[in-house]
Amino acid sequence: MTLVAIILATLAAGIGSVWVAALLMGLGGNRSPGMMPQRLLSLAAGALLATAFMHLLPEAFESEAGAHDLFVTLLVGLVFFFLLSKAELWHHGHEHGAPPAHEHDHHDHQGHAHAHDHSHDHHHGHRHGGWAVLTGDSVHCFGDGVLIASAFMADMRLGLIAAVSVLAHEVPHHMGDIVVLRQSSSNRRVALIKVSMAGAVTTLGGIGGYFLVGQLQELLPYFLAVASSSFIYVALADLIPQLQKRLSARETVAQVGWLMLGIVLVTVVSRAAHAH
């Protein structure tokens, strides 16, 4: 009975939070189509940074794990996601080799070729962000599943509260995930499916937590540090560079405002969930 409750609760928390995030984005995404992508990028960057620094890392450091080991895990995670991005770019470069120089001999084609190459590279430059956020999200969701399973094994009501808390604090974070995935895929449905699959890993964490709660509880702080490294990397290496462009004073204020909104949303919801 407890295992069935854990499976249902982790499915609701893991996948339900993704669908709620997508619904909220759908409700607000058509009002100002020109600026909305930039605003969502700012919101996503703020949400990812806040998730790492205001939620995951504090939770990791509240455990009995040593600070030195957690910082080493964070550093290794950042280097890993940097290498992952390099591997993706290298693979893309070999898969889509540069066209021979003689194909662009005519001057009137050079501008078009440059624009095409630039947009092509720009599009694929986000692929590493997508993979990094999916990897980190899966690790994060696995950790959430372990937390929910631990709560259910202590008390059924505590388990339900934990599941609702996870669902609530994952919504603003998953909004950031969906924005990153949409950058690497023009198909919105594919982005939603990928984030939903990462959310489903919550159930794997719940089942694993049910059978191996003692061992997984000891590793949980390191899961949190790895997930943090992916969110920090994606925000600083993929999202924020896209926001570093010359804007009017009004647009700059709006950009900073949406970044701060992402930080505030995650911080408030995470603190409320932690209090419960």
C-alpha atoms as a PDB file:
ATOM      1  CA  MET A   1       0.000   0.000   0.000  1.00  0.00           C
ATOM      2  CA  THR A   2       2.806   2.413   0.888  1.00  0.00           C
ATOM      3  CA  LEU A   3       4.658   1.627  -2.364  1.00  0.00           C
ATOM      4  CA  VAL A   4       1.490   2.269  -4.437  1.00  0.00           C
ATOM      5  CA  ALA A   5       0.986   5.603  -2.634  1.00  0.00           C
ATOM      6  CA  ILE A   6       4.631   6.543  -3.308  1.00  0.00           C
ATOM      7  CA  ILE A   7       4.297   5.709  -7.032  1.00  0.00           C
ATOM      8  CA  LEU A   8       1.068   7.716  -7.428  1.00  0.00           C
ATOM      9  CA  ALA A   9       2.391  10.675  -5.434  1.00  0.00           C
ATOM     10  CA  THR A  10       5.716  10.830  -7.300  1.00  0.00           C
ATOM     11  CA  LEU A  11       3.954  10.629 -10.691  1.00  0.00           C
ATOM     12  CA  ALA A  12       1.633  13.462  -9.680  1.00  0.00           C
ATOM     13  CA  ALA A  13       4.493  15.583  -8.325  1.00  0.00           C
ATOM     14  CA  GLY A  14       7.002  14.840 -11.104  1.00  0.00           C
ATOM     15  CA  ILE A  15       4.834  15.009 -14.233  1.00  0.00           C
ATOM     16  CA  GLY A  16       2.009  17.136 -12.784  1.00  0.00           C
ATOM     17  CA  SER A  17       4.404  19.990 -12.022  1.00  0.00           C
ATOM     18  CA  VAL A  18       5.594  19.979 -15.663  1.00  0.00           C
ATOM     19  CA  TRP A  19       2.041  20.174 -17.015  1.00  0.00           C
ATOM     20  CA  VAL A  20       1.080  22.945 -14.585  1.00  0.00           C
ATOM     21  CA  ALA A  21       4.187  24.907 -15.675  1.00  0.00           C
ATOM     22  CA  ALA A  22       3.315  24.416 -19.357  1.00  0.00           C
ATOM     23  CA  LEU A  23      -0.297  25.487 -18.707  1.00  0.00           C
ATOM     24  CA  LEU A  24       0.806  28.673 -16.926  1.00  0.00           C
ATOM     25  CA  MET A  25       3.227  29.484 -19.752  1.00  0.00           C
ATOM     26  CA  GLY A  26       0.478  28.870 -22.310  1.00  0.00           C
ATOM     27  CA  LEU A  27      -1.874  31.239 -20.506  1.00  0.00           C
ATOM     28  CA  GLY A  28       0.677  34.077 -20.474  1.00  0.00           C
ATOM     29  CA  GLY A  29       2.652  33.353 -23.632  1.00  0.00           C
ATOM     30  CA  ASN A  30       0.472  35.004 -26.267  1.00  0.00           C
ATOM     31  CA  ARG A  31      -0.030  38.485 -24.842  1.00  0.00           C
ATOM     32  CA  SER A  32       3.204  40.069 -26.039  1.00  0.00           C
ATOM     33  CA  PRO A  33       4.822  37.688 -28.547  1.00  0.00           C
ATOM     34  CA  GLY A  34       7.640  40.095 -29.444  1.00  0.00           C
ATOM     35  CA  MET A  35       9.160  40.432 -25.973  1.00  0.00           C
ATOM     36  CA  MET A  36       7.856  37.209 -24.397  1.00  0.00           C
ATOM     37  CA  PRO A  37      10.842  35.007 -25.425  1.00  0.00           C
ATOM     38  CA  GLN A  38      13.290  37.487 -23.831  1.00  0.00           C
ATOM     39  CA  ARG A  39      11.125  37.768 -20.734  1.00  0.00           C
ATOM     40  CA  LEU A  40      10.860  33.994 -20.413  1.00  0.00           C
ATOM     41  CA  LEU A  41      14.621  33.646 -20.880  1.00  0.00           C
ATOM     42  CA  SER A  42      15.141  36.112 -18.023  1.00  0.00           C
ATOM     43  CA  LEU A  43      12.579  34.301 -15.873  1.00  0.00           C
ATOM     44  CA  ALA A  44      14.211  30.949 -16.656  1.00  0.00           C
ATOM     45  CA  ALA A  45      17.702  32.189 -15.773  1.00  0.00           C
ATOM     46  CA  GLY A  46      16.459  33.565 -12.453  1.00  0.00           C
ATOM     47  CA  ALA A  47      14.494  30.404 -11.669  1.00  0.00           C
ATOM     48  CA  LEU A  48      17.429  28.079 -12.423  1.00  0.00           C
ATOM     49  CA  LEU A  49      19.922  30.136 -10.376  1.00  0.00           C
ATOM     50  CA  ALA A  50      17.496  30.424  -7.463  1.00  0.00           C
ATOM     51  CA  THR A  51      16.731  26.689  -7.572  1.00  0.00           C
ATOM     52  CA  ALA A  52      20.457  25.952  -7.292  1.00  0.00           C
ATOM     53  CA  PHE A  53      21.506  28.588  -4.748  1.00  0.00           C
ATOM     54  CA  MET A  54      18.352  29.051  -2.658  1.00  0.00           C
ATOM     55  CA  HIS A  55      16.949  25.516  -2.630  1.00  0.00           C
ATOM     56  CA  LEU A  56      19.241  22.663  -3.642  1.00  0.00           C
ATOM     57  CA  LEU A  57      22.605  23.756  -2.224  1.00  0.00           C
ATOM     58  CA  PRO A  58      21.241  24.882   1.179  1.00  0.00           C
ATOM     59  CA  GLU A  59      19.439  21.536   1.453  1.00  0.00           C
ATOM     60  CA  ALA A  60      22.639  19.680   0.574  1.00  0.00           C
ATOM     61  CA  PHE A  61      24.684  21.617   3.136  1.00  0.00           C
ATOM     62  CA  GLU A  62      22.091  20.989   5.865  1.00  0.00           C
ATOM     63  CA  SER A  63      22.974  17.287   5.653  1.00  0.00           C
ATOM     64  CA  GLU A  64      25.868  15.523   7.344  1.00  0.00           C
ATOM     65  CA  ALA A  65      27.927  15.554   4.142  1.00  0.00           C
ATOM     66  CA  GLY A  66      31.180  17.506   4.351  1.00  0.00           C
ATOM     67  CA  ALA A  67      31.318  20.964   2.761  1.00  0.00           C
ATOM     68  CA  HIS A  68      34.589  20.119   0.973  1.00  0.00           C
ATOM     69  CA  ASP A  69      33.090  16.998  -0.645  1.00  0.00           C
ATOM     70  CA  LEU A  70      29.992  18.904  -1.754  1.00  0.00           C
ATOM     71  CA  PHE A  71      32.064  21.717  -3.311  1.00  0.00           C
ATOM     72  CA  VAL A  72      34.201  19.122  -5.123  1.00  0.00           C
ATOM     73  CA  THR A  73      31.002  17.490  -6.432  1.00  0.00           C
ATOM     74  CA  LEU A  74      29.729  20.896  -7.575  1.00  0.00           C
ATOM     75  CA  LEU A  75      33.011  21.658  -9.367  1.00  0.00           C
ATOM     76  CA  VAL A  76      33.151  18.231 -11.034  1.00  0.00           C
ATOM     77  CA  GLY A  77      29.534  18.710 -12.137  1.00  0.00           C
ATOM     78  CA  LEU A  78      30.295  22.098 -13.720  1.00  0.00           C
ATOM     79  CA  VAL A  79      33.309  20.674 -15.590  1.00  0.00           C
ATOM     80  CA  PHE A  80      31.228  17.665 -16.695  1.00  0.00           C
ATOM     81  CA  PHE A  81      28.493  19.859 -18.189  1.00  0.00           C
ATOM     82  CA  PHE A  82      31.132  22.027 -19.894  1.00  0.00           C
ATOM     83  CA  LEU A  83      32.630  18.884 -21.476  1.00  0.00           C
ATOM     84  CA  LEU A  84      29.143  17.692 -22.404  1.00  0.00           C
ATOM     85  CA  SER A  85      28.544  20.955 -24.285  1.00  0.00           C
ATOM     86  CA  LYS A  86      31.919  20.591 -26.034  1.00  0.00           C
ATOM     87  CA  ALA A  87      31.052  17.025 -27.054  1.00  0.00           C
ATOM     88  CA  GLU A  88      27.727  18.168 -28.509  1.00  0.00           C
ATOM     89  CA  LEU A  89      29.343  21.016 -30.474  1.00  0.00           C
ATOM     90  CA  TRP A  90      32.145  18.737 -31.694  1.00  0.00           C
ATOM     91  CA  HIS A  91      29.647  16.083 -32.772  1.00  0.00           C
ATOM     92  CA  HIS A  92      27.580  18.686 -34.604  1.00  0.00           C
ATOM     93  CA  GLY A  93      30.682  20.099 -36.328  1.00  0.00           C
ATOM     94  CA  HIS A  94      31.629  16.677 -37.689  1.00  0.00           C
ATOM     95  CA  GLU A  95      28.086  15.689 -38.567  1.00  0.00           C
ATOM     96  CA  HIS A  96      27.460  18.933 -40.463  1.00  0.00           C
ATOM     97  CA  GLY A  97      30.853  19.768 -41.924  1.00  0.00           C
ATOM     98  CA  ALA A  98      31.577  23.295 -43.217  1.00  0.00           C
ATOM     99  CA  PRO A  99      30.755  23.725 -46.932  1.00  0.00           C
ATOM    100  CA  PRO A 100      33.703  23.998 -49.338  1.00  0.00           C
ATOM    101  CA  ALA A 101      34.971  27.503 -50.012  1.00  0.00           C
ATOM    102  CA  HIS A 102      34.209  27.337 -53.776  1.00  0.00           C
ATOM    103  CA  GLU A 103      30.480  27.082 -53.048  1.00  0.00           C
ATOM    104  CA  HIS A 104      30.557  30.663 -51.759  1.00  0.00           C
ATOM    105  CA  ASP A 105      32.766  32.254 -54.410  1.00  0.00           C
ATOM    106  CA  HIS A 106      30.142  34.762 -55.510  1.00  0.00           C
ATOM    107  CA  HIS A 107      30.050  37.895 -53.388  1.00  0.00           C
ATOM    108  CA  ASP A 108      26.233  38.147 -53.504  1.00  0.00           C
ATOM    109  CA  HIS A 109      25.944  34.741 -51.793  1.00  0.00           C
ATOM    110  CA  GLN A 110      28.425  35.457 -49.029  1.00  0.00           C
ATOM    111  CA  GLY A 111      26.101  37.580 -46.895  1.00  0.00           C
ATOM    112  CA  HIS A 112      23.374  34.950 -47.157  1.00  0.00           C
ATOM    113  CA  ALA A 113      25.819  32.158 -46.311  1.00  0.00           C
ATOM    114  CA  HIS A 114      27.134  34.046 -43.299  1.00  0.00           C
ATOM    115  CA  ALA A 115      23.623  34.736 -42.021  1.00  0.00           C
ATOM    116  CA  HIS A 116      22.627  31.101 -42.570  1.00  0.00           C
ATOM    117  CA  ASP A 117      25.721  29.761 -40.813  1.00  0.00           C
ATOM    118  CA  HIS A 118      25.252  32.192 -37.937  1.00  0.00           C
ATOM    119  CA  SER A 119      21.626  31.242 -37.401  1.00  0.00           C
ATOM    120  CA  HIS A 120      22.460  27.549 -37.826  1.00  0.00           C
ATOM    121  CA  ASP A 121      25.236  27.739 -35.247  1.00  0.00           C
ATOM    122  CA  HIS A 122      23.052  29.840 -32.937  1.00  0.00           C
ATOM    123  CA  HIS A 123      20.299  27.221 -33.085  1.00  0.00           C
ATOM    124  CA  HIS A 124      22.628  24.341 -32.304  1.00  0.00           C
ATOM    125  CA  GLY A 125      24.495  26.326 -29.676  1.00  0.00           C
ATOM    126  CA  HIS A 126      21.496  25.746 -27.381  1.00  0.00           C
ATOM    127  CA  ARG A 127      21.581  21.950 -27.733  1.00  0.00           C
ATOM    128  CA  HIS A 128      24.103  21.549 -24.935  1.00  0.00           C
ATOM    129  CA  GLY A 129      21.876  23.661 -22.691  1.00  0.00           C
ATOM    130  CA  GLY A 130      19.016  21.283 -23.372  1.00  0.00           C
ATOM    131  CA  TRP A 131      21.040  18.172 -22.578  1.00  0.00           C
ATOM    132  CA  ALA A 132      22.553  19.735 -19.464  1.00  0.00           C
ATOM    133  CA  VAL A 133      19.210  20.832 -18.073  1.00  0.00           C
ATOM    134  CA  LEU A 134      17.629  17.439 -18.808  1.00  0.00           C
ATOM    135  CA  THR A 135      20.490  15.626 -17.059  1.00  0.00           C
ATOM    136  CA  GLY A 136      20.378  17.911 -14.045  1.00  0.00           C
ATOM    137  CA  ASP A 137      16.584  17.834 -13.958  1.00  0.00           C
ATOM    138  CA  SER A 138      16.571  14.021 -13.953  1.00  0.00           C
ATOM    139  CA  VAL A 139      19.036  13.920 -11.051  1.00  0.00           C
ATOM    140  CA  HIS A 140      17.019  16.572  -9.193  1.00  0.00           C
ATOM    141  CA  CYS A 141      13.739  14.679  -9.767  1.00  0.00           C
ATOM    142  CA  PHE A 142      15.323  11.415  -8.595  1.00  0.00           C
ATOM    143  CA  GLY A 143      16.303  13.180  -5.372  1.00  0.00           C
ATOM    144  CA  ASP A 144      12.750  14.532  -5.006  1.00  0.00           C
ATOM    145  CA  GLY A 145      11.440  10.986  -5.335  1.00  0.00           C
ATOM    146  CA  VAL A 146      13.742   9.780  -2.558  1.00  0.00           C
ATOM    147  CA  LEU A 147      12.524  12.632  -0.331  1.00  0.00           C
ATOM    148  CA  ILE A 148       8.860  11.791  -0.995  1.00  0.00           C
ATOM    149  CA  ALA A 149       9.454   8.070  -0.332  1.00  0.00           C
ATOM    150  CA  SER A 150      11.242   8.859   2.934  1.00  0.00           C
ATOM    151  CA  ALA A 151       8.326  11.047   4.045  1.00  0.00           C
ATOM    152  CA  PHE A 152       5.743   8.355   3.188  1.00  0.00           C
ATOM    153  CA  MET A 153       7.697   5.728   5.112  1.00  0.00           C
ATOM    154  CA  ALA A 154       7.660   7.993   8.157  1.00  0.00           C
ATOM    155  CA  ASP A 155       3.962   8.931   7.926  1.00  0.00           C
ATOM    156  CA  MET A 156       1.287   8.872   5.177  1.00  0.00           C
ATOM    157  CA  ARG A 157       0.163  12.465   5.789  1.00  0.00           C
ATOM    158  CA  LEU A 158       3.758  13.691   5.802  1.00  0.00           C
ATOM    159  CA  GLY A 159       4.257  11.922   2.463  1.00  0.00           C
ATOM    160  CA  LEU A 160       1.257  13.695   0.917  1.00  0.00           C
ATOM    161  CA  ILE A 161       2.499  17.073   2.196  1.00  0.00           C
ATOM    162  CA  ALA A 162       5.955  16.333   0.762  1.00  0.00           C
ATOM    163  CA  ALA A 163       4.455  15.406  -2.636  1.00  0.00           C
ATOM    164  CA  VAL A 164       2.367  18.608  -2.796  1.00  0.00           C
ATOM    165  CA  SER A 165       5.395  20.648  -1.717  1.00  0.00           C
ATOM    166  CA  VAL A 166       7.569  19.089  -4.444  1.00  0.00           C
ATOM    167  CA  LEU A 167       4.858  19.756  -7.058  1.00  0.00           C
ATOM    168  CA  ALA A 168       4.551  23.391  -5.959  1.00  0.00           C
ATOM    169  CA  HIS A 169       8.246  24.247  -5.858  1.00  0.00           C
ATOM    170  CA  GLU A 170       8.950  22.447  -9.157  1.00  0.00           C
ATOM    171  CA  VAL A 171       6.467  24.553 -11.175  1.00  0.00           C
ATOM    172  CA  PRO A 172       8.584  27.738 -11.539  1.00  0.00           C
ATOM    173  CA  HIS A 173      11.698  25.620 -12.054  1.00  0.00           C
ATOM    174  CA  HIS A 174      10.055  23.560 -14.833  1.00  0.00           C
ATOM    175  CA  MET A 175       9.000  26.784 -16.535  1.00  0.00           C
ATOM    176  CA  GLY A 176      12.725  27.489 -16.863  1.00  0.00           C
ATOM    177  CA  ASP A 177      13.379  23.961 -18.153  1.00  0.00           C
ATOM    178  CA  ILE A 178      10.709  24.260 -20.845  1.00  0.00           C
ATOM    179  CA  VAL A 179      12.157  27.590 -22.037  1.00  0.00           C
ATOM    180  CA  VAL A 180      15.629  26.013 -22.366  1.00  0.00           C
ATOM    181  CA  LEU A 181      14.268  22.987 -24.246  1.00  0.00           C
ATOM    182  CA  ARG A 182      12.248  25.187 -26.606  1.00  0.00           C
ATOM    183  CA  GLN A 183      15.496  26.962 -27.496  1.00  0.00           C
ATOM    184  CA  SER A 184      16.904  23.655 -28.786  1.00  0.00           C
ATOM    185  CA  SER A 185      13.723  22.433 -30.508  1.00  0.00           C
ATOM    186  CA  SER A 186      11.170  24.281 -32.606  1.00  0.00           C
ATOM    187  CA  ASN A 187       8.554  21.682 -31.631  1.00  0.00           C
ATOM    188  CA  ARG A 188       6.916  22.698 -28.351  1.00  0.00           C
ATOM    189  CA  ARG A 189       5.387  19.260 -27.879  1.00  0.00           C
ATOM    190  CA  VAL A 190       8.820  17.602 -28.021  1.00  0.00           C
ATOM    191  CA  ALA A 191      10.125  19.999 -25.361  1.00  0.00           C
ATOM    192  CA  LEU A 192       7.149  19.204 -23.113  1.00  0.00           C
ATOM    193  CA  ILE A 193       7.614  15.450 -23.595  1.00  0.00           C
ATOM    194  CA  LYS A 194      11.331  15.649 -22.742  1.00  0.00           C
ATOM    195  CA  VAL A 195      10.744  17.628 -19.543  1.00  0.00           C
ATOM    196  CA  SER A 196       7.866  15.273 -18.630  1.00  0.00           C
ATOM    197  CA  MET A 197      10.192  12.278 -19.045  1.00  0.00           C
ATOM    198  CA  ALA A 198      12.691  13.944 -16.707  1.00  0.00           C
ATOM    199  CA  GLY A 199       9.830  14.583 -14.275  1.00  0.00           C
ATOM    200  CA  ALA A 200       8.884  10.899 -14.437  1.00  0.00           C
ATOM    201  CA  VAL A 201      12.310  10.072 -12.957  1.00  0.00           C
ATOM    202  CA  THR A 202      10.752  11.252  -9.666  1.00  0.00           C
ATOM    203  CA  THR A 203       8.913   7.910  -9.602  1.00  0.00           C
ATOM    204  CA  LEU A 204      12.186   6.000 -10.067  1.00  0.00           C
ATOM    205  CA  GLY A 205      13.575   7.912  -7.097  1.00  0.00           C
ATOM    206  CA  GLY A 206      10.459   7.053  -5.097  1.00  0.00           C
ATOM    207  CA  ILE A 207      10.713   3.322  -5.848  1.00  0.00           C
ATOM    208  CA  GLY A 208      14.464   3.338  -5.202  1.00  0.00           C
ATOM    209  CA  GLY A 209      13.903   5.270  -1.986  1.00  0.00           C
ATOM    210  CA  TYR A 210      11.324   2.722  -0.828  1.00  0.00           C
ATOM    211  CA  PHE A 211      13.740  -0.194  -1.174  1.00  0.00           C
ATOM    212  CA  LEU A 212      17.061   1.543  -0.452  1.00  0.00           C
ATOM    213  CA  VAL A 213      16.075   4.478   1.731  1.00  0.00           C
ATOM    214  CA  GLY A 214      19.126   4.302   4.003  1.00  0.00           C
ATOM    215  CA  GLN A 215      21.772   4.155   1.278  1.00  0.00           C
ATOM    216  CA  LEU A 216      20.096   6.710  -1.010  1.00  0.00           C
ATOM    217  CA  GLN A 217      19.544   9.155   1.841  1.00  0.00           C
ATOM    218  CA  GLU A 218      23.321   9.266   2.341  1.00  0.00           C
ATOM    219  CA  LEU A 219      23.868  10.040  -1.365  1.00  0.00           C
ATOM    220  CA  LEU A 220      21.063  12.606  -1.604  1.00  0.00           C
ATOM    221  CA  PRO A 221      23.275  15.667  -0.819  1.00  0.00           C
ATOM    222  CA  TYR A 222      25.546  14.704  -3.737  1.00  0.00           C
ATOM    223  CA  PHE A 223      22.526  14.328  -6.072  1.00  0.00           C
ATOM    224  CA  LEU A 224      21.511  17.851  -5.068  1.00  0.00           C
ATOM    225  CA  ALA A 225      25.023  19.213  -5.750  1.00  0.00           C
ATOM    226  CA  VAL A 226      25.141  17.613  -9.228  1.00  0.00           C
ATOM    227  CA  ALA A 227      21.678  18.966 -10.080  1.00  0.00           C
ATOM    228  CA  SER A 228      22.794  22.419  -8.869  1.00  0.00           C
ATOM    229  CA  SER A 229      25.851  22.348 -11.114  1.00  0.00           C
ATOM    230  CA  SER A 230      23.698  21.705 -14.196  1.00  0.00           C
ATOM    231  CA  PHE A 231      21.295  24.564 -13.421  1.00  0.00           C
ATOM    232  CA  ILE A 232      24.148  26.992 -12.686  1.00  0.00           C
ATOM    233  CA  TYR A 233      25.943  26.012 -15.891  1.00  0.00           C
ATOM    234  CA  VAL A 234      22.856  26.358 -18.102  1.00  0.00           C
ATOM    235  CA  ALA A 235      21.910  29.735 -16.582  1.00  0.00           C
ATOM    236  CA  LEU A 236      25.402  31.255 -16.818  1.00  0.00           C
ATOM    237  CA  ALA A 237      26.690  29.642 -20.022  1.00  0.00           C
ATOM    238  CA  ASP A 238      23.529  29.383 -22.116  1.00  0.00           C
ATOM    239  CA  LEU A 239      20.757  31.733 -20.975  1.00  0.00           C
ATOM    240  CA  ILE A 240      22.435  34.870 -19.586  1.00  0.00           C
ATOM    241  CA  PRO A 241      24.751  35.327 -22.628  1.00  0.00           C
ATOM    242  CA  GLN A 242      21.575  35.590 -24.762  1.00  0.00           C
ATOM    243  CA  LEU A 243      20.387  38.420 -22.516  1.00  0.00           C
ATOM    244  CA  GLN A 244      23.657  40.373 -22.849  1.00  0.00           C
ATOM    245  CA  LYS A 245      22.559  42.646 -25.678  1.00  0.00           C
ATOM    246  CA  ARG A 246      22.139  46.405 -26.014  1.00  0.00           C
ATOM    247  CA  LEU A 247      18.586  47.335 -25.007  1.00  0.00           C
ATOM    248  CA  SER A 248      16.689  50.502 -24.192  1.00  0.00           C
ATOM    249  CA  ALA A 249      16.474  51.549 -20.533  1.00  0.00           C
ATOM    250  CA  ARG A 250      12.873  50.360 -20.359  1.00  0.00           C
ATOM    251  CA  GLU A 251      13.659  46.951 -21.862  1.00  0.00           C
ATOM    252  CA  THR A 252      16.664  46.552 -19.561  1.00  0.00           C
ATOM    253  CA  VAL A 253      14.530  47.262 -16.491  1.00  0.00           C
ATOM    254  CA  ALA A 254      11.943  44.729 -17.727  1.00  0.00           C
ATOM    255  CA  GLN A 255      14.687  42.146 -18.334  1.00  0.00           C
ATOM    256  CA  VAL A 256      16.131  42.585 -14.825  1.00  0.00           C
ATOM    257  CA  GLY A 257      12.599  42.565 -13.395  1.00  0.00           C
ATOM    258  CA  TRP A 258      11.780  39.202 -14.976  1.00  0.00           C
ATOM    259  CA  LEU A 259      15.130  37.788 -13.797  1.00  0.00           C
ATOM    260  CA  MET A 260      14.332  38.903 -10.239  1.00  0.00           C
ATOM    261  CA  LEU A 261      10.794  37.524 -10.556  1.00  0.00           C
ATOM    262  CA  GLY A 262      12.223  34.077 -11.344  1.00  0.00           C
ATOM    263  CA  ILE A 263      14.481  34.283  -8.282  1.00  0.00           C
ATOM    264  CA  VAL A 264      11.681  35.493  -5.999  1.00  0.00           C
ATOM    265  CA  LEU A 265       9.190  32.886  -7.239  1.00  0.00           C
ATOM    266  CA  VAL A 266      11.488  29.945  -6.577  1.00  0.00           C
ATOM    267  CA  THR A 267      12.743  31.359  -3.259  1.00  0.00           C
ATOM    268  CA  VAL A 268       9.251  32.011  -1.849  1.00  0.00           C
ATOM    269  CA  VAL A 269       7.806  28.681  -2.986  1.00  0.00           C
ATOM    270  CA  SER A 270      10.859  26.710  -1.813  1.00  0.00           C
ATOM    271  CA  ARG A 271      10.757  28.333   1.643  1.00  0.00           C
ATOM    272  CA  ALA A 272       7.031  27.655   1.954  1.00  0.00           C
ATOM    273  CA  ALA A 273       7.539  24.012   0.931  1.00  0.00           C
ATOM    274  CA  HIS A 274      10.492  23.671   3.313  1.00  0.00           C
ATOM    275  CA  ALA A 275       8.434  25.108   6.180  1.00  0.00           C
ATOM    276  CA  HIS A 276       5.735  22.472   5.601  1.00  0.00           C
END
